[in-house]
Amino acid sequence: MRHDHGTTPLWLALLAAAAPALAAAQGVEVVGTRALGMGGAFVAVADDASAVYWNPAGLATGALFSAVIDGGEHETGDVSNPPGGTDGGARGHQLLIAAATLPVAVSYLQLSTAEATPGTPTHPARISALTTHQVGLTLVQTVVQGLVVAGSLKYVRGSYGTGLVPAASAAGADDLLDLAGDLDQAQSSAADADLGVMGSIGAWRLGLVARNLAAPEFEAADGGPPGQLERQVRAGVAWLPSARLTVAVDVDLTTADLPSGERRNVAVGIETWWWERRLGLRGGVRASTAAAARPVGAVGASVALRKALYADAQWTLRGGDQADGGWSLAGRVAF
C-alpha cells in the first residue's frame, strides 16, 4: 500500500512543513558483523576493513590488505507498539563493501531505515524513511610510533521521505513502518567526512572516532522537513594481552535521538580465538546512559574457510521491547 500524499489533510501538511529537521535513526550499532558481535565495543579494535566505519585509524593495526562484504538487518524500538504510545520504532537493512591496503581504503555503504512514532487520538503519527548510499575514500597517516590518525571523505546520496498519519488511519507501529517504506522519497546529495584516532601503548589501545562531521541534510518529498544524519562521537579502549584475547569498552560521547528515545551507549565486548585462529567467538552487552537503559546482548562467531578467508555471523538479542535487535553475515579476507 502506498502512502498517498495527495490526499493528506491541509492541517497535516502544514504541521509537516513547520516541523524541524528530523534526525534519521541510522545509529552507530548497525554496521559490522565483528563489531556487533562484541556488542558494539569496537572503536579501539577496528583492525579489519570494517574500520572504515568504526574507526578508520584502526586500519594501521590490521593486515596489510583487508576486504569485507558485510550485510544484514537491524531494528530498534517496539515495532508492535499500538497508537497512543510516545515511543516508536525503526527497522532497516545495511550493506558494507570495503577494501584497504595502507595507507588507502575505499568503501561503499548502503543504509536503509524506516521510522515510525505512533500518535495519539489528538496527534498524528510520524513516519519517515531514509536510504543513504555512501562512497568513501579513507587516508591513514602515522603521526608518531603508536599514534595514527585517519580521515574518510564521503559522497552521500540520500533518498528521504516523511509524513504524518492521522490516528484513524494508523493501526500499529508495525503498519506504520510499512507505510514509511512506501513513502514518496526525494533524492539529494551531500559531502561528509569521518575522522579517527588510534593510540597503542603496550597491550592497550585507545580509539576515538567522529562520524558524520558535516551532519548532512536530505530533502524530503513534497516539501516536508529534511532528514539529517547526526554527528556521532565515540571513544573506546581495548586490552589485547595475547593474540587469542581482546576485551574492549566503548562509550558514546554524543546522544542519538532515535524514535524509541535518546541513546548514549556504553558497550563491553570480548573476542577469543581458538585452534590457531580457525574459530573466533565473541560476545558483548551494551546499554544506554540516557533515558531508559534498554540493555542489549550480542553473540558472534568467525570460521576460517581457508587461510586468510573468514565467514562471520552475529545475532543481537533484544533485551526488551525498546531495545535493539538484528543479525548480520560477512565474508572477510585479511593477509
C-alpha atoms as a PDB file:
ATOM      1  CA  MET A   1       0.000   0.000   0.000  1.00  0.00           C
ATOM      2  CA  ARG A   2       1.414   3.362  -0.987  1.00  0.00           C
ATOM      3  CA  HIS A   3       1.003   6.378   1.247  1.00  0.00           C
ATOM      4  CA  ASP A   4      -0.844   8.980  -0.794  1.00  0.00           C
ATOM      5  CA  HIS A   5       0.414  12.490  -0.059  1.00  0.00           C
ATOM      6  CA  GLY A   6      -2.121  13.951  -2.448  1.00  0.00           C
ATOM      7  CA  THR A   7      -4.942  13.205  -0.008  1.00  0.00           C
ATOM      8  CA  THR A   8      -3.140  14.417   3.118  1.00  0.00           C
ATOM      9  CA  PRO A   9      -5.350  16.888   5.020  1.00  0.00           C
ATOM     10  CA  LEU A  10      -4.223  20.518   4.894  1.00  0.00           C
ATOM     11  CA  TRP A  11      -3.584  20.663   8.630  1.00  0.00           C
ATOM     12  CA  LEU A  12      -1.254  17.691   8.416  1.00  0.00           C
ATOM     13  CA  ALA A  13       0.648  19.254   5.536  1.00  0.00           C
ATOM     14  CA  LEU A  14       1.078  22.480   7.497  1.00  0.00           C
ATOM     15  CA  LEU A  15       2.330  20.577  10.533  1.00  0.00           C
ATOM     16  CA  ALA A  16       4.829  18.672   8.420  1.00  0.00           C
ATOM     17  CA  ALA A  17       6.139  21.836   6.784  1.00  0.00           C
ATOM     18  CA  ALA A  18       6.577  23.566  10.134  1.00  0.00           C
ATOM     19  CA  ALA A  19       8.427  20.689  11.768  1.00  0.00           C
ATOM     20  CA  PRO A  20      12.215  20.929  12.259  1.00  0.00           C
ATOM     21  CA  ALA A  21      14.744  18.736  10.519  1.00  0.00           C
ATOM     22  CA  LEU A  22      14.452  15.138  11.659  1.00  0.00           C
ATOM     23  CA  ALA A  23      17.444  13.115  12.800  1.00  0.00           C
ATOM     24  CA  ALA A  24      17.422   9.827  10.942  1.00  0.00           C
ATOM     25  CA  ALA A  25      17.794   6.659  13.018  1.00  0.00           C
ATOM     26  CA  GLN A  26      20.994   5.468  11.369  1.00  0.00           C
ATOM     27  CA  GLY A  27      22.681   4.908  14.706  1.00  0.00           C
ATOM     28  CA  VAL A  28      26.180   3.613  15.345  1.00  0.00           C
ATOM     29  CA  GLU A  29      25.365  -0.057  16.036  1.00  0.00           C
ATOM     30  CA  VAL A  30      24.042  -1.044  12.618  1.00  0.00           C
ATOM     31  CA  VAL A  31      27.148  -1.994  10.608  1.00  0.00           C
ATOM     32  CA  GLY A  32      29.965  -4.514  11.050  1.00  0.00           C
ATOM     33  CA  THR A  33      29.422  -8.167  11.953  1.00  0.00           C
ATOM     34  CA  ARG A  34      32.519  -8.487  14.167  1.00  0.00           C
ATOM     35  CA  ALA A  35      31.772  -5.199  15.919  1.00  0.00           C
ATOM     36  CA  LEU A  36      28.115  -6.006  16.553  1.00  0.00           C
ATOM     37  CA  GLY A  37      29.037  -9.470  17.814  1.00  0.00           C
ATOM     38  CA  MET A  38      31.046  -7.683  20.527  1.00  0.00           C
ATOM     39  CA  GLY A  39      28.013  -5.596  21.455  1.00  0.00           C
ATOM     40  CA  GLY A  40      29.383  -2.577  19.599  1.00  0.00           C
ATOM     41  CA  ALA A  41      32.665  -2.290  21.550  1.00  0.00           C
ATOM     42  CA  PHE A  42      34.960  -1.896  18.545  1.00  0.00           C
ATOM     43  CA  VAL A  43      36.349   1.640  18.222  1.00  0.00           C
ATOM     44  CA  ALA A  44      39.697   0.631  19.770  1.00  0.00           C
ATOM     45  CA  VAL A  45      39.703  -2.780  17.998  1.00  0.00           C
ATOM     46  CA  ALA A  46      38.767  -1.951  14.374  1.00  0.00           C
ATOM     47  CA  ASP A  47      41.553  -3.960  12.721  1.00  0.00           C
ATOM     48  CA  ASP A  48      39.794  -5.156   9.554  1.00  0.00           C
ATOM     49  CA  ALA A  49      38.219  -3.375   6.582  1.00  0.00           C
ATOM     50  CA  SER A  50      35.091  -2.521   8.599  1.00  0.00           C
ATOM     51  CA  ALA A  51      37.330   0.019  10.347  1.00  0.00           C
ATOM     52  CA  VAL A  52      36.349   2.458   7.587  1.00  0.00           C
ATOM     53  CA  TYR A  53      33.081   2.706   9.534  1.00  0.00           C
ATOM     54  CA  TRP A  54      34.123   2.081  13.150  1.00  0.00           C
ATOM     55  CA  ASN A  55      37.471   3.892  13.281  1.00  0.00           C
ATOM     56  CA  PRO A  56      39.485   4.400  10.090  1.00  0.00           C
ATOM     57  CA  ALA A  57      42.709   4.842  12.081  1.00  0.00           C
ATOM     58  CA  GLY A  58      42.407   1.213  13.153  1.00  0.00           C
ATOM     59  CA  LEU A  59      43.387   0.099   9.649  1.00  0.00           C
ATOM     60  CA  ALA A  60      47.020   0.686  10.647  1.00  0.00           C
ATOM     61  CA  THR A  61      46.770  -2.032  13.314  1.00  0.00           C
ATOM     62  CA  GLY A  62      45.476  -4.746  10.989  1.00  0.00           C
ATOM     63  CA  ALA A  63      46.625  -6.762   7.997  1.00  0.00           C
ATOM     64  CA  LEU A  64      48.474  -5.276   5.038  1.00  0.00           C
ATOM     65  CA  PHE A  65      45.388  -5.961   2.909  1.00  0.00           C
ATOM     66  CA  SER A  66      41.830  -6.401   4.165  1.00  0.00           C
ATOM     67  CA  ALA A  67      38.456  -6.589   2.446  1.00  0.00           C
ATOM     68  CA  VAL A  68      34.919  -7.270   3.633  1.00  0.00           C
ATOM     69  CA  ILE A  69      31.389  -7.747   2.326  1.00  0.00           C
ATOM     70  CA  ASP A  70      29.011  -7.308   5.243  1.00  0.00           C
ATOM     71  CA  GLY A  71      25.204  -7.139   5.336  1.00  0.00           C
ATOM     72  CA  GLY A  72      22.157  -7.764   7.486  1.00  0.00           C
ATOM     73  CA  GLU A  73      19.089  -6.266   9.124  1.00  0.00           C
ATOM     74  CA  HIS A  74      18.590  -4.049  12.158  1.00  0.00           C
ATOM     75  CA  GLU A  75      15.707  -2.780  14.269  1.00  0.00           C
ATOM     76  CA  THR A  76      15.241  -0.638  17.310  1.00  0.00           C
ATOM     77  CA  GLY A  77      12.245   0.199  19.461  1.00  0.00           C
ATOM     78  CA  ASP A  78       8.911  -1.575  19.770  1.00  0.00           C
ATOM     79  CA  VAL A  79       7.633  -2.119  16.240  1.00  0.00           C
ATOM     80  CA  SER A  80       4.382  -3.632  17.570  1.00  0.00           C
ATOM     81  CA  ASN A  81       3.579  -0.671  19.814  1.00  0.00           C
ATOM     82  CA  PRO A  82      -0.059   0.392  19.265  1.00  0.00           C
ATOM     83  CA  PRO A  83      -1.192   4.006  18.750  1.00  0.00           C
ATOM     84  CA  GLY A  84      -1.317   6.020  21.942  1.00  0.00           C
ATOM     85  CA  GLY A  85       2.314   5.436  22.911  1.00  0.00           C
ATOM     86  CA  THR A  86       5.063   8.004  22.770  1.00  0.00           C
ATOM     87  CA  ASP A  87       7.844   5.621  21.757  1.00  0.00           C
ATOM     88  CA  GLY A  88       8.401   4.434  18.243  1.00  0.00           C
ATOM     89  CA  GLY A  89      10.434   2.007  16.258  1.00  0.00           C
ATOM     90  CA  ALA A  90      12.740   1.659  13.293  1.00  0.00           C
ATOM     91  CA  ARG A  91      13.896  -1.151  11.071  1.00  0.00           C
ATOM     92  CA  GLY A  92      16.091  -1.463   8.036  1.00  0.00           C
ATOM     93  CA  HIS A  93      18.994  -3.202   6.360  1.00  0.00           C
ATOM     94  CA  GLN A  94      22.642  -2.458   5.667  1.00  0.00           C
ATOM     95  CA  LEU A  95      25.422  -3.403   3.265  1.00  0.00           C
ATOM     96  CA  LEU A  96      29.123  -2.542   3.575  1.00  0.00           C
ATOM     97  CA  ILE A  97      31.737  -3.303   0.924  1.00  0.00           C
ATOM     98  CA  ALA A  98      35.256  -2.139   1.765  1.00  0.00           C
ATOM     99  CA  ALA A  99      38.871  -2.829   0.849  1.00  0.00           C
ATOM    100  CA  ALA A 100      42.004  -1.420   2.422  1.00  0.00           C
ATOM    101  CA  THR A 101      45.738  -1.525   1.834  1.00  0.00           C
ATOM    102  CA  LEU A 102      47.743   1.053   3.717  1.00  0.00           C
ATOM    103  CA  PRO A 103      47.586   3.967   3.533  1.00  0.00           C
ATOM    104  CA  VAL A 104      44.326   3.951   1.497  1.00  0.00           C
ATOM    105  CA  ALA A 105      40.894   2.373   1.752  1.00  0.00           C
ATOM    106  CA  VAL A 106      37.769   2.599  -0.396  1.00  0.00           C
ATOM    107  CA  SER A 107      34.256   1.744   0.698  1.00  0.00           C
ATOM    108  CA  TYR A 108      30.597   1.638  -0.230  1.00  0.00           C
ATOM    109  CA  LEU A 109      27.910   1.707   2.460  1.00  0.00           C
ATOM    110  CA  GLN A 110      24.157   1.438   1.983  1.00  0.00           C
ATOM    111  CA  LEU A 111      21.913   2.069   4.967  1.00  0.00           C
ATOM    112  CA  SER A 112      18.138   1.909   4.658  1.00  0.00           C
ATOM    113  CA  THR A 113      15.921   2.722   7.639  1.00  0.00           C
ATOM    114  CA  ALA A 114      12.172   3.268   8.099  1.00  0.00           C
ATOM    115  CA  GLU A 115      10.978   5.030  11.263  1.00  0.00           C
ATOM    116  CA  ALA A 116       7.616   5.377  12.956  1.00  0.00           C
ATOM    117  CA  THR A 117       6.462   7.237  16.059  1.00  0.00           C
ATOM    118  CA  PRO A 118       2.874   6.294  16.992  1.00  0.00           C
ATOM    119  CA  GLY A 119       0.424   9.131  17.519  1.00  0.00           C
ATOM    120  CA  THR A 120      -2.449   9.733  19.884  1.00  0.00           C
ATOM    121  CA  PRO A 121      -6.158  10.431  19.270  1.00  0.00           C
ATOM    122  CA  THR A 122      -5.284  14.139  19.071  1.00  0.00           C
ATOM    123  CA  HIS A 123      -1.827  13.970  17.453  1.00  0.00           C
ATOM    124  CA  PRO A 124      -0.899  12.235  14.205  1.00  0.00           C
ATOM    125  CA  ALA A 125       1.732   9.540  13.942  1.00  0.00           C
ATOM    126  CA  ARG A 126       5.001  10.494  12.269  1.00  0.00           C
ATOM    127  CA  ILE A 127       6.724   8.258   9.737  1.00  0.00           C
ATOM    128  CA  SER A 128       9.885   8.641   7.678  1.00  0.00           C
ATOM    129  CA  ALA A 129      12.229   6.611   5.501  1.00  0.00           C
ATOM    130  CA  LEU A 130      15.856   7.297   4.625  1.00  0.00           C
ATOM    131  CA  THR A 131      18.207   5.369   2.364  1.00  0.00           C
ATOM    132  CA  THR A 132      21.792   6.558   2.006  1.00  0.00           C
ATOM    133  CA  HIS A 133      24.441   5.389  -0.437  1.00  0.00           C
ATOM    134  CA  GLN A 134      27.885   6.428   0.801  1.00  0.00           C
ATOM    135  CA  VAL A 135      31.077   6.155  -1.251  1.00  0.00           C
ATOM    136  CA  GLY A 136      34.187   6.822   0.805  1.00  0.00           C
ATOM    137  CA  LEU A 137      37.914   7.340   0.371  1.00  0.00           C
ATOM    138  CA  THR A 138      39.983   6.851   3.526  1.00  0.00           C
ATOM    139  CA  LEU A 139      43.566   8.038   4.085  1.00  0.00           C
ATOM    140  CA  VAL A 140      45.655   6.776   7.012  1.00  0.00           C
ATOM    141  CA  GLN A 141      48.672   8.570   8.477  1.00  0.00           C
ATOM    142  CA  THR A 142      51.049   7.558  11.280  1.00  0.00           C
ATOM    143  CA  VAL A 143      51.923  10.653  13.330  1.00  0.00           C
ATOM    144  CA  VAL A 144      54.477   9.021  15.625  1.00  0.00           C
ATOM    145  CA  GLN A 145      55.022   5.420  16.592  1.00  0.00           C
ATOM    146  CA  GLY A 146      51.888   4.254  18.359  1.00  0.00           C
ATOM    147  CA  LEU A 147      49.677   7.138  17.198  1.00  0.00           C
ATOM    148  CA  VAL A 148      47.652   7.054  13.976  1.00  0.00           C
ATOM    149  CA  VAL A 149      45.098   9.451  12.525  1.00  0.00           C
ATOM    150  CA  ALA A 150      42.821   8.823   9.557  1.00  0.00           C
ATOM    151  CA  GLY A 151      40.069  10.597   7.690  1.00  0.00           C
ATOM    152  CA  SER A 152      37.349   9.490   5.304  1.00  0.00           C
ATOM    153  CA  LEU A 153      35.843  11.769   2.693  1.00  0.00           C
ATOM    154  CA  LYS A 154      32.364  10.624   1.667  1.00  0.00           C
ATOM    155  CA  TYR A 155      29.929  11.336  -1.125  1.00  0.00           C
ATOM    156  CA  VAL A 156      26.447  10.612   0.204  1.00  0.00           C
ATOM    157  CA  ARG A 157      23.357  10.154  -1.956  1.00  0.00           C
ATOM    158  CA  GLY A 158      20.188  10.155   0.123  1.00  0.00           C
ATOM    159  CA  SER A 159      16.560   9.296  -0.600  1.00  0.00           C
ATOM    160  CA  TYR A 160      14.228  10.674   2.051  1.00  0.00           C
ATOM    161  CA  GLY A 161      10.519  10.946   2.699  1.00  0.00           C
ATOM    162  CA  THR A 162       8.446  11.904   5.711  1.00  0.00           C
ATOM    163  CA  GLY A 163       4.777  12.191   6.545  1.00  0.00           C
ATOM    164  CA  LEU A 164       2.098  12.404   9.214  1.00  0.00           C
ATOM    165  CA  VAL A 165      -0.634   9.795   9.573  1.00  0.00           C
ATOM    166  CA  PRO A 166      -3.941  10.595  11.354  1.00  0.00           C
ATOM    167  CA  ALA A 167      -4.711   8.320  14.302  1.00  0.00           C
ATOM    168  CA  ALA A 168      -7.764   6.958  12.486  1.00  0.00           C
ATOM    169  CA  SER A 169      -5.515   5.685   9.692  1.00  0.00           C
ATOM    170  CA  ALA A 170      -2.785   4.240  11.925  1.00  0.00           C
ATOM    171  CA  ALA A 171      -3.249   0.691  13.191  1.00  0.00           C
ATOM    172  CA  GLY A 172       0.086  -0.009  14.900  1.00  0.00           C
ATOM    173  CA  ALA A 173       3.735   0.839  14.629  1.00  0.00           C
ATOM    174  CA  ASP A 174       4.321  -2.256  12.518  1.00  0.00           C
ATOM    175  CA  ASP A 175       1.773  -0.991   9.991  1.00  0.00           C
ATOM    176  CA  LEU A 176       3.273   2.491  10.287  1.00  0.00           C
ATOM    177  CA  LEU A 177       6.696   1.129   9.345  1.00  0.00           C
ATOM    178  CA  ASP A 178       5.108  -0.459   6.277  1.00  0.00           C
ATOM    179  CA  LEU A 179       3.654   2.938   5.390  1.00  0.00           C
ATOM    180  CA  ALA A 180       7.042   4.558   5.958  1.00  0.00           C
ATOM    181  CA  GLY A 181       8.619   2.155   3.496  1.00  0.00           C
ATOM    182  CA  ASP A 182       6.064   3.221   0.868  1.00  0.00           C
ATOM    183  CA  LEU A 183       6.615   6.974   1.247  1.00  0.00           C
ATOM    184  CA  ASP A 184       7.484   9.071  -1.777  1.00  0.00           C
ATOM    185  CA  GLN A 185      11.152   9.989  -1.436  1.00  0.00           C
ATOM    186  CA  ALA A 186      13.200  12.847  -2.827  1.00  0.00           C
ATOM    187  CA  GLN A 187      16.842  12.387  -3.738  1.00  0.00           C
ATOM    188  CA  SER A 188      19.644  14.749  -2.844  1.00  0.00           C
ATOM    189  CA  SER A 189      23.406  14.590  -2.353  1.00  0.00           C
ATOM    190  CA  ALA A 190      25.893  15.852   0.199  1.00  0.00           C
ATOM    191  CA  ALA A 191      29.553  15.680   1.117  1.00  0.00           C
ATOM    192  CA  ASP A 192      30.527  14.327   4.507  1.00  0.00           C
ATOM    193  CA  ALA A 193      33.587  13.207   6.462  1.00  0.00           C
ATOM    194  CA  ASP A 194      34.667  10.935   9.320  1.00  0.00           C
ATOM    195  CA  LEU A 195      37.778  11.262  11.488  1.00  0.00           C
ATOM    196  CA  GLY A 196      39.500   8.608  13.588  1.00  0.00           C
ATOM    197  CA  VAL A 197      42.424   8.399  16.014  1.00  0.00           C
ATOM    198  CA  MET A 198      44.112   5.273  17.386  1.00  0.00           C
ATOM    199  CA  GLY A 199      46.824   5.091  20.028  1.00  0.00           C
ATOM    200  CA  SER A 200      48.720   1.995  21.184  1.00  0.00           C
ATOM    201  CA  ILE A 201      50.593   1.544  24.470  1.00  0.00           C
ATOM    202  CA  GLY A 202      51.787  -1.984  25.130  1.00  0.00           C
ATOM    203  CA  ALA A 203      48.760  -4.275  25.269  1.00  0.00           C
ATOM    204  CA  TRP A 204      46.376  -1.317  25.340  1.00  0.00           C
ATOM    205  CA  ARG A 205      44.700   0.579  22.517  1.00  0.00           C
ATOM    206  CA  LEU A 206      42.785   3.837  22.755  1.00  0.00           C
ATOM    207  CA  GLY A 207      40.435   4.917  19.974  1.00  0.00           C
ATOM    208  CA  LEU A 208      38.292   7.912  19.101  1.00  0.00           C
ATOM    209  CA  VAL A 209      36.006   8.350  16.091  1.00  0.00           C
ATOM    210  CA  ALA A 210      33.803  11.222  14.925  1.00  0.00           C
ATOM    211  CA  ARG A 211      31.300  10.334  12.201  1.00  0.00           C
ATOM    212  CA  ASN A 212      29.054  12.499  10.009  1.00  0.00           C
ATOM    213  CA  LEU A 213      31.072  15.623  10.758  1.00  0.00           C
ATOM    214  CA  ALA A 214      29.087  17.682   8.248  1.00  0.00           C
ATOM    215  CA  ALA A 215      25.737  16.450   9.654  1.00  0.00           C
ATOM    216  CA  PRO A 216      24.336  16.335   6.094  1.00  0.00           C
ATOM    217  CA  GLU A 217      20.664  17.039   5.421  1.00  0.00           C
ATOM    218  CA  PHE A 218      18.492  15.430   2.750  1.00  0.00           C
ATOM    219  CA  GLU A 219      15.452  16.938   1.092  1.00  0.00           C
ATOM    220  CA  ALA A 220      12.071  15.355   1.671  1.00  0.00           C
ATOM    221  CA  ALA A 221       9.432  14.714  -0.950  1.00  0.00           C
ATOM    222  CA  ASP A 222       6.510  17.155  -1.167  1.00  0.00           C
ATOM    223  CA  GLY A 223       8.299  19.878   0.770  1.00  0.00           C
ATOM    224  CA  GLY A 224       8.401  18.115   4.132  1.00  0.00           C
ATOM    225  CA  PRO A 225      11.103  18.770   6.720  1.00  0.00           C
ATOM    226  CA  PRO A 226      14.538  17.474   5.703  1.00  0.00           C
ATOM    227  CA  GLY A 227      16.201  14.481   7.267  1.00  0.00           C
ATOM    228  CA  GLN A 228      19.614  14.773   8.853  1.00  0.00           C
ATOM    229  CA  LEU A 229      22.426  12.409   9.813  1.00  0.00           C
ATOM    230  CA  GLU A 230      23.515  13.293  13.325  1.00  0.00           C
ATOM    231  CA  ARG A 231      27.146  13.712  14.306  1.00  0.00           C
ATOM    232  CA  GLN A 232      28.363  10.732  16.286  1.00  0.00           C
ATOM    233  CA  VAL A 233      31.411  10.788  18.548  1.00  0.00           C
ATOM    234  CA  ARG A 234      32.566   7.628  20.302  1.00  0.00           C
ATOM    235  CA  ALA A 235      35.612   6.637  22.361  1.00  0.00           C
ATOM    236  CA  GLY A 236      36.949   3.185  23.105  1.00  0.00           C
ATOM    237  CA  VAL A 237      39.639   1.291  24.948  1.00  0.00           C
ATOM    238  CA  ALA A 238      40.805  -2.266  24.240  1.00  0.00           C
ATOM    239  CA  TRP A 239      43.080  -4.682  26.096  1.00  0.00           C
ATOM    240  CA  LEU A 240      44.907  -7.290  23.995  1.00  0.00           C
ATOM    241  CA  PRO A 241      47.006  -9.399  26.384  1.00  0.00           C
ATOM    242  CA  SER A 242      47.591 -12.053  23.700  1.00  0.00           C
ATOM    243  CA  ALA A 243      46.772 -12.866  20.083  1.00  0.00           C
ATOM    244  CA  ARG A 244      43.874 -15.001  21.360  1.00  0.00           C
ATOM    245  CA  LEU A 245      42.026 -12.471  23.523  1.00  0.00           C
ATOM    246  CA  THR A 246      40.588  -8.978  23.136  1.00  0.00           C
ATOM    247  CA  VAL A 247      38.493  -7.138  25.728  1.00  0.00           C
ATOM    248  CA  ALA A 248      37.001  -3.779  24.742  1.00  0.00           C
ATOM    249  CA  VAL A 249      34.828  -0.973  26.103  1.00  0.00           C
ATOM    250  CA  ASP A 250      33.167   1.807  24.063  1.00  0.00           C
ATOM    251  CA  VAL A 251      31.441   4.969  25.296  1.00  0.00           C
ATOM    252  CA  ASP A 252      29.286   7.351  23.254  1.00  0.00           C
ATOM    253  CA  LEU A 253      30.243  10.999  23.736  1.00  0.00           C
ATOM    254  CA  THR A 254      27.158  12.245  21.889  1.00  0.00           C
ATOM    255  CA  THR A 255      23.464  11.445  22.311  1.00  0.00           C
ATOM    256  CA  ALA A 256      21.438   9.968  19.456  1.00  0.00           C
ATOM    257  CA  ASP A 257      17.785  10.986  19.164  1.00  0.00           C
ATOM    258  CA  LEU A 258      16.034   7.823  17.959  1.00  0.00           C
ATOM    259  CA  PRO A 259      12.276   7.197  17.554  1.00  0.00           C
ATOM    260  CA  SER A 260      12.354   4.960  20.640  1.00  0.00           C
ATOM    261  CA  GLY A 261      14.094   7.623  22.733  1.00  0.00           C
ATOM    262  CA  GLU A 262      17.524   9.086  23.399  1.00  0.00           C
ATOM    263  CA  ARG A 263      20.579   6.819  23.317  1.00  0.00           C
ATOM    264  CA  ARG A 264      24.078   7.339  24.682  1.00  0.00           C
ATOM    265  CA  ASN A 265      25.501   3.862  24.853  1.00  0.00           C
ATOM    266  CA  VAL A 266      28.207   2.108  26.815  1.00  0.00           C
ATOM    267  CA  ALA A 267      29.321  -1.215  25.319  1.00  0.00           C
ATOM    268  CA  VAL A 268      31.538  -4.017  26.629  1.00  0.00           C
ATOM    269  CA  GLY A 269      32.742  -6.876  24.426  1.00  0.00           C
ATOM    270  CA  ILE A 270      35.134  -9.807  24.277  1.00  0.00           C
ATOM    271  CA  GLU A 271      36.658 -11.759  21.391  1.00  0.00           C
ATOM    272  CA  THR A 272      38.596 -15.043  21.651  1.00  0.00           C
ATOM    273  CA  TRP A 273      40.345 -17.169  19.021  1.00  0.00           C
ATOM    274  CA  TRP A 274      40.898 -20.924  19.080  1.00  0.00           C
ATOM    275  CA  TRP A 275      42.597 -23.687  17.099  1.00  0.00           C
ATOM    276  CA  GLU A 276      45.248 -21.480  15.518  1.00  0.00           C
ATOM    277  CA  ARG A 277      42.672 -18.783  14.668  1.00  0.00           C
ATOM    278  CA  ARG A 278      40.369 -21.175  12.840  1.00  0.00           C
ATOM    279  CA  LEU A 279      37.467 -20.302  15.143  1.00  0.00           C
ATOM    280  CA  GLY A 280      36.631 -16.961  16.715  1.00  0.00           C
ATOM    281  CA  LEU A 281      33.959 -16.477  19.367  1.00  0.00           C
ATOM    282  CA  ARG A 282      32.706 -13.161  20.650  1.00  0.00           C
ATOM    283  CA  GLY A 283      30.029 -11.642  22.810  1.00  0.00           C
ATOM    284  CA  GLY A 284      29.045  -8.325  24.311  1.00  0.00           C
ATOM    285  CA  VAL A 285      26.461  -6.163  26.012  1.00  0.00           C
ATOM    286  CA  ARG A 286      25.502  -2.519  25.795  1.00  0.00           C
ATOM    287  CA  ALA A 287      23.084  -0.151  27.482  1.00  0.00           C
ATOM    288  CA  SER A 288      22.152   3.495  27.294  1.00  0.00           C
ATOM    289  CA  THR A 289      23.121   6.043  29.927  1.00  0.00           C
ATOM    290  CA  ALA A 290      20.485   8.455  28.587  1.00  0.00           C
ATOM    291  CA  ALA A 291      16.789   7.943  29.365  1.00  0.00           C
ATOM    292  CA  ALA A 292      15.936   4.221  29.669  1.00  0.00           C
ATOM    293  CA  ALA A 293      18.851   1.750  29.754  1.00  0.00           C
ATOM    294  CA  ARG A 294      17.477  -0.587  27.033  1.00  0.00           C
ATOM    295  CA  PRO A 295      20.095  -3.345  27.599  1.00  0.00           C
ATOM    296  CA  VAL A 296      21.177  -5.458  24.639  1.00  0.00           C
ATOM    297  CA  GLY A 297      23.239  -8.632  24.372  1.00  0.00           C
ATOM    298  CA  ALA A 298      25.027  -9.982  21.304  1.00  0.00           C
ATOM    299  CA  VAL A 299      26.909 -13.101  20.245  1.00  0.00           C
ATOM    300  CA  GLY A 300      29.024 -13.797  17.182  1.00  0.00           C
ATOM    301  CA  ALA A 301      31.448 -16.213  15.602  1.00  0.00           C
ATOM    302  CA  SER A 302      34.029 -16.453  12.827  1.00  0.00           C
ATOM    303  CA  VAL A 303      35.151 -19.556  10.949  1.00  0.00           C
ATOM    304  CA  ALA A 304      38.284 -19.735   8.794  1.00  0.00           C
ATOM    305  CA  LEU A 305      37.148 -21.213   5.475  1.00  0.00           C
ATOM    306  CA  ARG A 306      40.754 -21.254   4.354  1.00  0.00           C
ATOM    307  CA  LYS A 307      43.871 -19.288   5.199  1.00  0.00           C
ATOM    308  CA  ALA A 308      43.063 -15.545   5.424  1.00  0.00           C
ATOM    309  CA  LEU A 309      39.402 -16.095   4.433  1.00  0.00           C
ATOM    310  CA  TYR A 310      36.717 -15.887   7.132  1.00  0.00           C
ATOM    311  CA  ALA A 311      32.948 -16.171   7.398  1.00  0.00           C
ATOM    312  CA  ASP A 312      31.453 -14.048  10.207  1.00  0.00           C
ATOM    313  CA  ALA A 313      27.993 -14.055  11.781  1.00  0.00           C
ATOM    314  CA  GLN A 314      26.319 -12.233  14.661  1.00  0.00           C
ATOM    315  CA  TRP A 315      22.962 -12.027  16.367  1.00  0.00           C
ATOM    316  CA  THR A 316      21.851  -9.099  18.517  1.00  0.00           C
ATOM    317  CA  LEU A 317      19.393 -10.271  21.179  1.00  0.00           C
ATOM    318  CA  ARG A 318      16.782  -7.741  22.212  1.00  0.00           C
ATOM    319  CA  GLY A 319      16.793  -7.106  25.959  1.00  0.00           C
ATOM    320  CA  GLY A 320      13.330  -5.519  25.867  1.00  0.00           C
ATOM    321  CA  ASP A 321      10.674  -4.070  23.570  1.00  0.00           C
ATOM    322  CA  GLN A 322      12.503  -0.757  23.255  1.00  0.00           C
ATOM    323  CA  ALA A 323      15.985  -2.245  22.731  1.00  0.00           C
ATOM    324  CA  ASP A 324      17.905  -3.052  19.550  1.00  0.00           C
ATOM    325  CA  GLY A 325      17.870  -6.274  17.564  1.00  0.00           C
ATOM    326  CA  GLY A 326      19.201  -7.676  14.342  1.00  0.00           C
ATOM    327  CA  TRP A 327      21.563 -10.030  12.573  1.00  0.00           C
ATOM    328  CA  SER A 328      24.341  -9.829  10.015  1.00  0.00           C
ATOM    329  CA  LEU A 329      26.690 -12.002   7.981  1.00  0.00           C
ATOM    330  CA  ALA A 330      30.050 -11.169   6.432  1.00  0.00           C
ATOM    331  CA  GLY A 331      32.778 -12.565   4.250  1.00  0.00           C
ATOM    332  CA  ARG A 332      36.215 -11.220   5.151  1.00  0.00           C
ATOM    333  CA  VAL A 333      39.742 -11.601   3.833  1.00  0.00           C
ATOM    334  CA  ALA A 334      42.922 -10.375   5.513  1.00  0.00           C
ATOM    335  CA  PHE A 335      46.597 -11.070   4.795  1.00  0.00           C
END
